[in-house]
Amino acid sequence: MSSTGAAPQSNLKGFLLSLTAAVMWGMLPVALKEVLSGMDATTIVWYRFLIAGVVLWVWLAATCVSVNNHKMVFASRLGQPLRKLFFLLLQP
């Protein structure tokens, strides 16, 4: 048993999720270099948030999180692109 009291399975799951995030973060500049030649940055940001929101929604649905939590997550994911949109619209 670990010092935090967590089961070894949850430690492995956390490690694998962290490793996945690090690999994806490391691949981001390489992918952006190719994608920026065909799209503008704002479009890429919208697609990234859309894909992240869908993946998060599916993940939460698969792990049987309650409906109230889905609404809260959806509202928080929707707020980020809207904030960016308002920022872009209010620029001089």
C-alpha atoms as a PDB file:
ATOM      1  CA  MET A   1       0.000   0.000   0.000  1.00  0.00           C
ATOM      2  CA  SER A   2       1.289   3.461  -0.853  1.00  0.00           C
ATOM      3  CA  SER A   3       1.857   6.245   1.626  1.00  0.00           C
ATOM      4  CA  THR A   4      -1.323   8.032   0.492  1.00  0.00           C
ATOM      5  CA  GLY A   5      -3.473   4.997   1.161  1.00  0.00           C
ATOM      6  CA  ALA A   6      -4.511   4.622  -2.485  1.00  0.00           C
ATOM      7  CA  ALA A   7      -4.714   1.239  -4.144  1.00  0.00           C
ATOM      8  CA  PRO A   8      -1.915   0.328  -6.592  1.00  0.00           C
ATOM      9  CA  GLN A   9      -4.458   0.201  -9.451  1.00  0.00           C
ATOM     10  CA  SER A  10      -5.387   3.879  -8.965  1.00  0.00           C
ATOM     11  CA  ASN A  11      -1.691   4.793  -8.891  1.00  0.00           C
ATOM     12  CA  LEU A  12      -1.202   3.056 -12.239  1.00  0.00           C
ATOM     13  CA  LYS A  13      -4.275   4.743 -13.702  1.00  0.00           C
ATOM     14  CA  GLY A  14      -3.028   8.150 -12.550  1.00  0.00           C
ATOM     15  CA  PHE A  15       0.415   7.474 -13.981  1.00  0.00           C
ATOM     16  CA  LEU A  16      -1.011   6.387 -17.336  1.00  0.00           C
ATOM     17  CA  LEU A  17      -3.278   9.431 -17.551  1.00  0.00           C
ATOM     18  CA  SER A  18      -0.358  11.711 -16.677  1.00  0.00           C
ATOM     19  CA  LEU A  19       1.838  10.013 -19.262  1.00  0.00           C
ATOM     20  CA  THR A  20      -0.877  10.402 -21.906  1.00  0.00           C
ATOM     21  CA  ALA A  21      -1.244  14.104 -21.099  1.00  0.00           C
ATOM     22  CA  ALA A  22       2.537  14.638 -21.267  1.00  0.00           C
ATOM     23  CA  VAL A  23       2.828  12.855 -24.625  1.00  0.00           C
ATOM     24  CA  MET A  24      -0.078  14.825 -26.085  1.00  0.00           C
ATOM     25  CA  TRP A  25       1.350  18.099 -24.748  1.00  0.00           C
ATOM     26  CA  GLY A  26       4.718  17.235 -26.318  1.00  0.00           C
ATOM     27  CA  MET A  27       3.134  16.442 -29.691  1.00  0.00           C
ATOM     28  CA  LEU A  28       1.158  19.691 -29.755  1.00  0.00           C
ATOM     29  CA  PRO A  29       3.852  21.971 -31.257  1.00  0.00           C
ATOM     30  CA  VAL A  30       4.610  19.446 -33.992  1.00  0.00           C
ATOM     31  CA  ALA A  31       0.946  19.093 -34.916  1.00  0.00           C
ATOM     32  CA  LEU A  32       0.321  22.846 -34.725  1.00  0.00           C
ATOM     33  CA  LYS A  33       3.178  23.545 -37.120  1.00  0.00           C
ATOM     34  CA  GLU A  34       1.465  21.445 -39.776  1.00  0.00           C
ATOM     35  CA  VAL A  35      -2.090  22.560 -39.036  1.00  0.00           C
ATOM     36  CA  LEU A  36      -1.267  26.296 -38.969  1.00  0.00           C
ATOM     37  CA  SER A  37      -0.310  26.142 -42.623  1.00  0.00           C
ATOM     38  CA  GLY A  38      -3.960  25.468 -43.521  1.00  0.00           C
ATOM     39  CA  MET A  39      -6.044  27.067 -40.717  1.00  0.00           C
ATOM     40  CA  ASP A  40      -5.942  30.185 -38.623  1.00  0.00           C
ATOM     41  CA  ALA A  41      -5.263  30.003 -34.898  1.00  0.00           C
ATOM     42  CA  THR A  42      -8.814  30.872 -33.811  1.00  0.00           C
ATOM     43  CA  THR A  43     -10.292  27.974 -35.784  1.00  0.00           C
ATOM     44  CA  ILE A  44      -7.768  25.579 -34.293  1.00  0.00           C
ATOM     45  CA  VAL A  45      -8.639  26.726 -30.778  1.00  0.00           C
ATOM     46  CA  TRP A  46     -12.353  26.177 -31.437  1.00  0.00           C
ATOM     47  CA  TYR A  47     -11.725  22.673 -32.765  1.00  0.00           C
ATOM     48  CA  ARG A  48      -9.492  21.841 -29.789  1.00  0.00           C
ATOM     49  CA  PHE A  49     -12.147  22.944 -27.299  1.00  0.00           C
ATOM     50  CA  LEU A  50     -14.886  21.157 -29.211  1.00  0.00           C
ATOM     51  CA  ILE A  51     -12.957  17.880 -29.296  1.00  0.00           C
ATOM     52  CA  ALA A  52     -11.947  18.213 -25.637  1.00  0.00           C
ATOM     53  CA  GLY A  53     -15.561  18.895 -24.648  1.00  0.00           C
ATOM     54  CA  VAL A  54     -16.870  15.875 -26.552  1.00  0.00           C
ATOM     55  CA  VAL A  55     -14.173  13.595 -25.131  1.00  0.00           C
ATOM     56  CA  LEU A  56     -14.861  14.871 -21.618  1.00  0.00           C
ATOM     57  CA  TRP A  57     -18.613  14.430 -22.069  1.00  0.00           C
ATOM     58  CA  VAL A  58     -18.154  10.834 -23.271  1.00  0.00           C
ATOM     59  CA  TRP A  59     -15.707  10.099 -20.454  1.00  0.00           C
ATOM     60  CA  LEU A  60     -18.129  11.408 -17.823  1.00  0.00           C
ATOM     61  CA  ALA A  61     -21.039   9.512 -19.361  1.00  0.00           C
ATOM     62  CA  ALA A  62     -19.001   6.298 -19.373  1.00  0.00           C
ATOM     63  CA  THR A  63     -18.037   6.698 -15.720  1.00  0.00           C
ATOM     64  CA  CYS A  64     -21.696   7.284 -14.699  1.00  0.00           C
ATOM     65  CA  VAL A  65     -21.284  10.765 -13.244  1.00  0.00           C
ATOM     66  CA  SER A  66     -24.597  12.284 -12.179  1.00  0.00           C
ATOM     67  CA  VAL A  67     -26.558  14.572 -14.508  1.00  0.00           C
ATOM     68  CA  ASN A  68     -25.991  17.620 -12.303  1.00  0.00           C
ATOM     69  CA  ASN A  69     -22.256  17.255 -12.698  1.00  0.00           C
ATOM     70  CA  HIS A  70     -22.660  16.964 -16.486  1.00  0.00           C
ATOM     71  CA  LYS A  71     -24.447  20.308 -16.561  1.00  0.00           C
ATOM     72  CA  MET A  72     -21.722  21.935 -14.492  1.00  0.00           C
ATOM     73  CA  VAL A  73     -18.947  20.535 -16.694  1.00  0.00           C
ATOM     74  CA  PHE A  74     -20.793  21.535 -19.854  1.00  0.00           C
ATOM     75  CA  ALA A  75     -21.255  25.083 -18.564  1.00  0.00           C
ATOM     76  CA  SER A  76     -17.585  25.392 -17.662  1.00  0.00           C
ATOM     77  CA  ARG A  77     -16.433  24.025 -21.036  1.00  0.00           C
ATOM     78  CA  LEU A  78     -18.812  26.355 -22.871  1.00  0.00           C
ATOM     79  CA  GLY A  79     -17.572  29.358 -20.932  1.00  0.00           C
ATOM     80  CA  GLN A  80     -13.968  29.087 -22.109  1.00  0.00           C
ATOM     81  CA  PRO A  81     -14.557  29.511 -25.855  1.00  0.00           C
ATOM     82  CA  LEU A  82     -17.172  32.195 -25.207  1.00  0.00           C
ATOM     83  CA  ARG A  83     -14.678  34.140 -23.132  1.00  0.00           C
ATOM     84  CA  LYS A  84     -12.200  33.918 -26.018  1.00  0.00           C
ATOM     85  CA  LEU A  85     -14.886  35.015 -28.477  1.00  0.00           C
ATOM     86  CA  PHE A  86     -15.788  38.056 -26.381  1.00  0.00           C
ATOM     87  CA  PHE A  87     -12.093  38.896 -26.081  1.00  0.00           C
ATOM     88  CA  LEU A  88     -11.710  38.799 -29.866  1.00  0.00           C
ATOM     89  CA  LEU A  89     -14.874  40.829 -30.463  1.00  0.00           C
ATOM     90  CA  LEU A  90     -13.887  43.551 -28.012  1.00  0.00           C
ATOM     91  CA  GLN A  91     -10.408  44.116 -29.436  1.00  0.00           C
ATOM     92  CA  PRO A  92      -9.977  47.472 -31.201  1.00  0.00           C
END
